[in-house]
N, C-alpha and C. Protein backbone atom coordinates (compact mmCIF):
# COMPACT_ATOMS: atom_id res chain seq x y z
N UNK A 1 62.98 62.39 22.64
CA UNK A 1 61.81 61.92 21.93
C UNK A 1 61.31 63.08 21.08
N UNK A 2 61.81 63.11 19.85
CA UNK A 2 61.47 64.23 19.01
C UNK A 2 60.71 63.81 17.76
N UNK A 3 60.94 62.63 17.26
CA UNK A 3 60.29 62.24 16.02
C UNK A 3 58.94 61.60 16.31
N UNK A 4 58.11 61.60 15.28
CA UNK A 4 56.79 60.99 15.40
C UNK A 4 56.92 59.49 15.64
N UNK A 5 57.91 58.88 15.03
CA UNK A 5 58.10 57.43 15.18
C UNK A 5 58.37 57.06 16.63
N UNK A 6 59.21 57.83 17.32
CA UNK A 6 59.51 57.57 18.72
C UNK A 6 58.27 57.72 19.59
N UNK A 7 57.49 58.76 19.32
CA UNK A 7 56.25 58.97 20.07
C UNK A 7 55.26 57.84 19.82
N UNK A 8 55.15 57.43 18.58
CA UNK A 8 54.20 56.39 18.21
C UNK A 8 54.58 55.04 18.81
N UNK A 9 55.86 54.70 18.77
CA UNK A 9 56.28 53.42 19.34
C UNK A 9 56.14 53.41 20.86
N UNK A 10 56.36 54.55 21.52
CA UNK A 10 56.12 54.63 22.96
C UNK A 10 54.64 54.42 23.26
N UNK A 11 53.78 55.02 22.45
CA UNK A 11 52.33 54.84 22.61
C UNK A 11 51.94 53.37 22.41
N UNK A 12 52.51 52.73 21.38
CA UNK A 12 52.20 51.32 21.13
C UNK A 12 52.69 50.42 22.27
N UNK A 13 53.83 50.76 22.84
CA UNK A 13 54.33 49.98 23.97
C UNK A 13 53.41 50.12 25.17
N UNK A 14 52.90 51.34 25.41
CA UNK A 14 51.96 51.56 26.51
C UNK A 14 50.65 50.80 26.27
N UNK A 15 50.18 50.78 25.03
CA UNK A 15 48.95 50.04 24.71
C UNK A 15 49.18 48.54 24.89
N UNK A 16 50.33 48.04 24.47
CA UNK A 16 50.64 46.62 24.65
C UNK A 16 50.72 46.29 26.14
N UNK A 17 51.27 47.21 26.93
CA UNK A 17 51.33 47.02 28.39
C UNK A 17 49.92 46.85 28.96
N UNK A 18 49.01 47.73 28.58
CA UNK A 18 47.63 47.63 29.07
C UNK A 18 46.93 46.40 28.51
N UNK A 19 47.21 46.06 27.28
CA UNK A 19 46.59 44.87 26.68
C UNK A 19 47.02 43.59 27.39
N UNK A 20 48.30 43.49 27.72
CA UNK A 20 48.76 42.30 28.42
C UNK A 20 48.23 42.24 29.85
N UNK A 21 47.91 43.39 30.42
CA UNK A 21 47.37 43.42 31.78
C UNK A 21 45.85 43.32 31.80
N UNK A 22 45.20 43.37 30.65
CA UNK A 22 43.74 43.33 30.65
C UNK A 22 43.24 42.02 31.23
N UNK A 23 42.27 42.14 32.10
CA UNK A 23 41.75 40.99 32.83
C UNK A 23 40.31 41.28 33.22
N UNK A 24 39.57 40.24 33.56
CA UNK A 24 38.17 40.40 33.94
C UNK A 24 38.00 40.02 35.40
N UNK A 25 37.35 40.91 36.16
CA UNK A 25 37.05 40.63 37.55
C UNK A 25 35.71 39.90 37.60
N UNK A 26 35.68 38.63 38.01
CA UNK A 26 34.43 37.87 37.99
C UNK A 26 33.41 38.35 39.00
N UNK A 27 33.82 39.12 40.02
CA UNK A 27 32.89 39.58 41.04
C UNK A 27 32.08 40.80 40.60
N UNK A 28 32.50 41.45 39.53
CA UNK A 28 31.82 42.67 39.10
C UNK A 28 30.51 42.33 38.40
N UNK A 29 29.52 43.20 38.58
CA UNK A 29 28.21 42.99 37.97
C UNK A 29 28.20 43.41 36.50
N UNK A 30 28.84 44.52 36.20
CA UNK A 30 28.88 45.06 34.84
C UNK A 30 30.19 44.63 34.17
N UNK A 31 30.12 44.30 32.89
CA UNK A 31 31.31 43.81 32.18
C UNK A 31 32.37 44.91 32.06
N UNK A 32 31.96 46.14 31.82
CA UNK A 32 32.92 47.24 31.67
C UNK A 32 33.62 47.49 33.00
N UNK A 33 32.85 47.53 34.08
CA UNK A 33 33.45 47.73 35.40
C UNK A 33 34.35 46.54 35.74
N UNK A 34 33.95 45.34 35.35
CA UNK A 34 34.76 44.15 35.60
C UNK A 34 36.10 44.20 34.90
N UNK A 35 36.10 44.67 33.66
CA UNK A 35 37.36 44.79 32.91
C UNK A 35 38.25 45.85 33.53
N UNK A 36 37.66 46.97 33.92
CA UNK A 36 38.46 48.06 34.51
C UNK A 36 39.05 47.63 35.84
N UNK A 37 38.24 47.01 36.71
CA UNK A 37 38.76 46.61 38.01
C UNK A 37 39.74 45.44 37.89
N UNK A 38 39.48 44.50 37.00
CA UNK A 38 40.41 43.39 36.81
C UNK A 38 41.75 43.84 36.28
N UNK A 39 41.72 44.77 35.32
CA UNK A 39 42.96 45.30 34.77
C UNK A 39 43.72 46.12 35.82
N UNK A 40 42.99 46.93 36.58
CA UNK A 40 43.65 47.72 37.63
C UNK A 40 44.28 46.81 38.68
N UNK A 41 43.58 45.75 39.04
CA UNK A 41 44.13 44.79 40.01
C UNK A 41 45.41 44.16 39.50
N UNK A 42 45.41 43.79 38.23
CA UNK A 42 46.60 43.14 37.66
C UNK A 42 47.76 44.14 37.55
N UNK A 43 47.46 45.37 37.17
CA UNK A 43 48.52 46.39 37.08
C UNK A 43 49.10 46.65 38.47
N UNK A 44 48.22 46.77 39.47
CA UNK A 44 48.71 47.03 40.82
C UNK A 44 49.48 45.84 41.40
N UNK A 45 49.19 44.65 40.90
CA UNK A 45 49.92 43.47 41.37
C UNK A 45 51.34 43.43 40.79
N UNK A 46 51.48 43.75 39.52
CA UNK A 46 52.78 43.63 38.87
C UNK A 46 53.61 44.90 38.89
N UNK A 47 53.00 46.05 39.14
CA UNK A 47 53.73 47.33 39.06
C UNK A 47 54.91 47.42 40.03
N UNK A 48 54.79 47.00 41.28
CA UNK A 48 55.97 47.12 42.16
C UNK A 48 57.18 46.33 41.65
N UNK A 49 56.93 45.16 41.10
CA UNK A 49 58.04 44.36 40.56
C UNK A 49 58.64 45.02 39.32
N UNK A 50 57.78 45.53 38.45
CA UNK A 50 58.28 46.19 37.24
C UNK A 50 59.06 47.45 37.59
N UNK A 51 58.58 48.20 38.58
CA UNK A 51 59.29 49.41 39.00
C UNK A 51 60.66 49.04 39.58
N UNK A 52 60.69 48.02 40.40
CA UNK A 52 61.97 47.60 41.00
C UNK A 52 62.97 47.13 39.97
N UNK A 53 62.53 46.30 39.04
CA UNK A 53 63.45 45.82 38.00
C UNK A 53 63.87 46.96 37.08
N UNK A 54 62.98 47.91 36.81
CA UNK A 54 63.35 49.07 35.98
C UNK A 54 64.41 49.89 36.70
N UNK A 55 64.22 50.10 37.97
CA UNK A 55 65.19 50.87 38.76
C UNK A 55 66.56 50.20 38.72
N UNK A 56 66.58 48.88 38.88
CA UNK A 56 67.85 48.14 38.84
C UNK A 56 68.50 48.26 37.46
N UNK A 57 67.71 48.12 36.39
CA UNK A 57 68.28 48.25 35.05
C UNK A 57 68.79 49.65 34.75
N UNK A 58 68.09 50.67 35.24
CA UNK A 58 68.56 52.05 35.04
C UNK A 58 69.88 52.27 35.78
N UNK A 59 70.02 51.69 36.96
CA UNK A 59 71.29 51.80 37.70
C UNK A 59 72.41 51.11 36.92
N UNK A 60 72.12 49.95 36.35
CA UNK A 60 73.14 49.25 35.55
C UNK A 60 73.50 50.05 34.31
N UNK A 61 72.50 50.64 33.65
CA UNK A 61 72.77 51.46 32.45
C UNK A 61 73.59 52.68 32.83
N UNK A 62 73.27 53.32 33.97
CA UNK A 62 74.06 54.47 34.41
C UNK A 62 75.50 54.07 34.70
N UNK A 63 75.69 52.91 35.29
CA UNK A 63 77.05 52.44 35.60
C UNK A 63 77.83 52.19 34.31
N UNK A 64 77.18 51.62 33.30
CA UNK A 64 77.86 51.31 32.05
C UNK A 64 78.12 52.54 31.19
N UNK A 65 77.36 53.62 31.40
CA UNK A 65 77.49 54.81 30.56
C UNK A 65 77.99 56.03 31.35
N UNK A 66 78.87 55.81 32.28
CA UNK A 66 79.52 56.89 33.03
C UNK A 66 78.53 57.84 33.69
N UNK A 67 77.61 57.29 34.45
CA UNK A 67 76.61 58.05 35.21
C UNK A 67 75.71 58.94 34.36
N UNK A 68 75.51 58.58 33.12
CA UNK A 68 74.55 59.32 32.29
C UNK A 68 73.20 58.61 32.41
N UNK A 69 72.22 59.37 32.86
CA UNK A 69 70.89 58.82 33.05
C UNK A 69 70.17 58.75 31.70
N UNK A 70 69.48 57.62 31.41
CA UNK A 70 68.75 57.55 30.14
C UNK A 70 67.58 58.53 30.11
N UNK A 71 67.12 58.85 28.94
CA UNK A 71 65.98 59.77 28.79
C UNK A 71 64.73 59.13 29.39
N UNK A 72 63.78 59.98 29.76
CA UNK A 72 62.57 59.48 30.43
C UNK A 72 61.79 58.52 29.55
N UNK A 73 61.81 58.74 28.23
CA UNK A 73 61.06 57.82 27.36
C UNK A 73 61.73 56.45 27.29
N UNK A 74 63.05 56.40 27.41
CA UNK A 74 63.75 55.11 27.45
C UNK A 74 63.43 54.36 28.74
N UNK A 75 63.36 55.10 29.84
CA UNK A 75 63.00 54.48 31.12
C UNK A 75 61.56 53.96 31.06
N UNK A 76 60.67 54.73 30.43
CA UNK A 76 59.28 54.28 30.29
C UNK A 76 59.20 53.03 29.42
N UNK A 77 59.99 52.97 28.37
CA UNK A 77 60.00 51.76 27.52
C UNK A 77 60.49 50.54 28.30
N UNK A 78 61.54 50.75 29.11
CA UNK A 78 62.04 49.64 29.94
C UNK A 78 60.96 49.18 30.90
N UNK A 79 60.28 50.14 31.55
CA UNK A 79 59.20 49.79 32.48
C UNK A 79 58.08 49.02 31.78
N UNK A 80 57.64 49.50 30.62
CA UNK A 80 56.55 48.83 29.90
C UNK A 80 56.96 47.42 29.47
N UNK A 81 58.19 47.28 29.02
CA UNK A 81 58.66 45.96 28.57
C UNK A 81 58.73 44.97 29.72
N UNK A 82 59.27 45.40 30.84
CA UNK A 82 59.32 44.52 32.01
C UNK A 82 57.91 44.23 32.51
N UNK A 83 57.03 45.22 32.48
CA UNK A 83 55.64 45.02 32.89
C UNK A 83 54.91 44.04 32.00
N UNK A 84 55.19 44.07 30.70
CA UNK A 84 54.58 43.11 29.77
C UNK A 84 55.03 41.70 30.12
N UNK A 85 56.31 41.53 30.41
CA UNK A 85 56.81 40.20 30.78
C UNK A 85 56.16 39.69 32.06
N UNK A 86 56.06 40.56 33.07
CA UNK A 86 55.43 40.15 34.33
C UNK A 86 53.95 39.83 34.12
N UNK A 87 53.26 40.61 33.30
CA UNK A 87 51.84 40.34 33.05
C UNK A 87 51.66 39.02 32.33
N UNK A 88 52.54 38.71 31.41
CA UNK A 88 52.46 37.45 30.68
C UNK A 88 52.62 36.27 31.62
N UNK A 89 53.65 36.33 32.47
CA UNK A 89 53.88 35.21 33.39
C UNK A 89 52.81 35.12 34.47
N UNK A 90 52.27 36.25 34.90
CA UNK A 90 51.17 36.21 35.87
C UNK A 90 49.92 35.59 35.26
N UNK A 91 49.65 35.91 33.99
CA UNK A 91 48.49 35.31 33.32
C UNK A 91 48.67 33.80 33.16
N UNK A 92 49.88 33.36 32.84
CA UNK A 92 50.14 31.92 32.76
C UNK A 92 49.94 31.24 34.11
N UNK A 93 50.40 31.87 35.17
CA UNK A 93 50.26 31.31 36.51
C UNK A 93 48.78 31.21 36.90
N UNK A 94 48.02 32.28 36.64
CA UNK A 94 46.60 32.27 36.99
C UNK A 94 45.83 31.24 36.18
N UNK A 95 46.18 31.08 34.92
CA UNK A 95 45.49 30.09 34.09
C UNK A 95 45.78 28.67 34.59
N UNK A 96 47.03 28.41 34.94
CA UNK A 96 47.40 27.10 35.46
C UNK A 96 46.69 26.83 36.78
N UNK A 97 46.60 27.85 37.63
CA UNK A 97 45.92 27.69 38.92
C UNK A 97 44.43 27.39 38.71
N UNK A 98 43.81 28.08 37.76
CA UNK A 98 42.40 27.84 37.45
C UNK A 98 42.19 26.43 36.89
N UNK A 99 43.10 25.97 36.05
CA UNK A 99 42.99 24.63 35.48
C UNK A 99 43.14 23.56 36.55
N UNK A 100 44.04 23.78 37.51
CA UNK A 100 44.21 22.82 38.60
C UNK A 100 42.97 22.75 39.47
N UNK A 101 42.33 23.89 39.74
CA UNK A 101 41.10 23.89 40.53
C UNK A 101 39.98 23.14 39.81
N UNK A 102 39.86 23.36 38.50
CA UNK A 102 38.84 22.65 37.73
C UNK A 102 39.11 21.15 37.72
N UNK A 103 40.37 20.77 37.62
CA UNK A 103 40.73 19.35 37.63
C UNK A 103 40.40 18.72 38.98
N UNK A 104 40.65 19.44 40.07
CA UNK A 104 40.30 18.92 41.40
C UNK A 104 38.80 18.74 41.54
N UNK A 105 38.03 19.69 41.01
CA UNK A 105 36.57 19.57 41.07
C UNK A 105 36.08 18.36 40.27
N UNK A 106 36.68 18.13 39.13
CA UNK A 106 36.28 16.98 38.31
C UNK A 106 36.64 15.67 39.00
N UNK A 107 37.74 15.64 39.73
CA UNK A 107 38.12 14.42 40.43
C UNK A 107 37.20 14.15 41.61
N UNK A 108 36.69 15.20 42.24
CA UNK A 108 35.80 15.03 43.38
C UNK A 108 34.41 14.55 42.96
N UNK A 109 33.90 15.07 41.86
CA UNK A 109 32.57 14.66 41.39
C UNK A 109 32.73 13.52 40.42
N UNK A 110 31.98 12.42 40.62
CA UNK A 110 32.11 11.29 39.70
C UNK A 110 31.54 11.64 38.33
N UNK A 111 32.21 11.14 37.32
CA UNK A 111 31.76 11.39 35.96
C UNK A 111 30.57 10.49 35.67
N UNK A 112 29.50 11.08 35.15
CA UNK A 112 28.29 10.33 34.82
C UNK A 112 28.09 10.46 33.32
N UNK A 113 28.05 9.32 32.65
CA UNK A 113 27.86 9.35 31.21
C UNK A 113 26.37 9.29 30.90
N UNK A 114 26.01 9.65 29.69
CA UNK A 114 24.60 9.62 29.29
C UNK A 114 24.09 8.18 29.24
N UNK A 115 24.95 7.22 28.92
CA UNK A 115 24.55 5.82 28.88
C UNK A 115 24.16 5.32 30.26
N UNK A 116 24.95 5.69 31.27
CA UNK A 116 24.62 5.24 32.62
C UNK A 116 23.34 5.91 33.13
N UNK A 117 23.09 7.14 32.69
CA UNK A 117 21.84 7.80 33.05
C UNK A 117 20.64 7.08 32.45
N UNK A 118 20.78 6.65 31.21
CA UNK A 118 19.69 5.92 30.55
C UNK A 118 19.42 4.60 31.25
N UNK A 119 20.49 3.91 31.64
CA UNK A 119 20.32 2.63 32.31
C UNK A 119 19.64 2.79 33.66
N UNK A 120 20.01 3.81 34.41
CA UNK A 120 19.38 4.00 35.72
C UNK A 120 17.93 4.42 35.58
N UNK A 121 17.61 5.18 34.53
CA UNK A 121 16.21 5.57 34.34
C UNK A 121 15.37 4.36 33.92
N UNK A 122 15.93 3.44 33.15
CA UNK A 122 15.22 2.22 32.78
C UNK A 122 14.97 1.35 34.00
N UNK A 123 15.97 1.25 34.86
CA UNK A 123 15.85 0.41 36.04
C UNK A 123 14.79 0.95 36.98
N UNK A 124 14.71 2.23 37.13
CA UNK A 124 13.73 2.79 38.05
C UNK A 124 12.33 2.77 37.46
N UNK A 125 12.20 2.80 36.14
CA UNK A 125 10.87 2.80 35.54
C UNK A 125 10.28 1.39 35.50
N UNK A 126 11.09 0.38 35.37
CA UNK A 126 10.60 -0.99 35.34
C UNK A 126 10.71 -1.58 36.74
N UNK A 127 9.81 -2.50 37.03
CA UNK A 127 9.89 -3.20 38.30
C UNK A 127 11.02 -4.21 38.19
N UNK A 128 11.82 -4.22 39.18
CA UNK A 128 12.94 -5.17 39.15
C UNK A 128 12.47 -6.49 39.74
N UNK A 129 12.60 -7.57 38.97
CA UNK A 129 12.18 -8.87 39.49
C UNK A 129 13.15 -9.35 40.56
N UNK A 130 12.65 -10.18 41.44
CA UNK A 130 13.52 -10.71 42.48
C UNK A 130 14.47 -11.73 41.87
N UNK A 131 15.63 -11.77 42.40
CA UNK A 131 16.64 -12.67 41.85
C UNK A 131 16.36 -14.09 42.34
N UNK A 132 16.49 -15.07 41.46
CA UNK A 132 16.31 -16.45 41.91
C UNK A 132 17.48 -16.88 42.77
N UNK A 133 17.20 -17.72 43.71
CA UNK A 133 18.24 -18.20 44.60
C UNK A 133 19.16 -19.16 43.88
N UNK A 134 20.40 -19.07 44.16
CA UNK A 134 21.37 -19.96 43.54
C UNK A 134 21.48 -21.24 44.37
N UNK A 135 21.54 -22.32 43.68
CA UNK A 135 21.72 -23.59 44.38
C UNK A 135 23.19 -23.97 44.29
N UNK A 136 23.71 -24.38 45.37
CA UNK A 136 25.11 -24.79 45.40
C UNK A 136 25.19 -26.30 45.37
N UNK A 137 26.16 -26.77 44.66
CA UNK A 137 26.37 -28.21 44.56
C UNK A 137 27.29 -28.63 45.70
N UNK A 138 26.81 -29.66 46.42
CA UNK A 138 27.61 -30.11 47.55
C UNK A 138 28.23 -31.45 47.31
């Protein structure tokens, strides 16, 4: 890693890694603390998988290139790329899980329209007359 371009692209990959992992912790009181803790939680969740897959890929690269280990910046790029993929799929999973919970809540609570609210308020405000008895023909 000698040129400015290599350094800059490594920096951009690291920023993209953090951007894909950015998340908000709903339990935090302060928004800044919530972003920091949510992002740290997401990084700690996906990091073991990214490290493991990076290790496997480095072993495959070493096997294909006669036991020559890639440079540290190449290993970091592989780690960031795999981490971005894991963060993306984790975010999709969490969003789907949140949508399913909201759908279950909507199914449990009956939907009340504004029209039905108006009708019930009219019924309670007016006295309801007694219904006349029906006569049956025999």
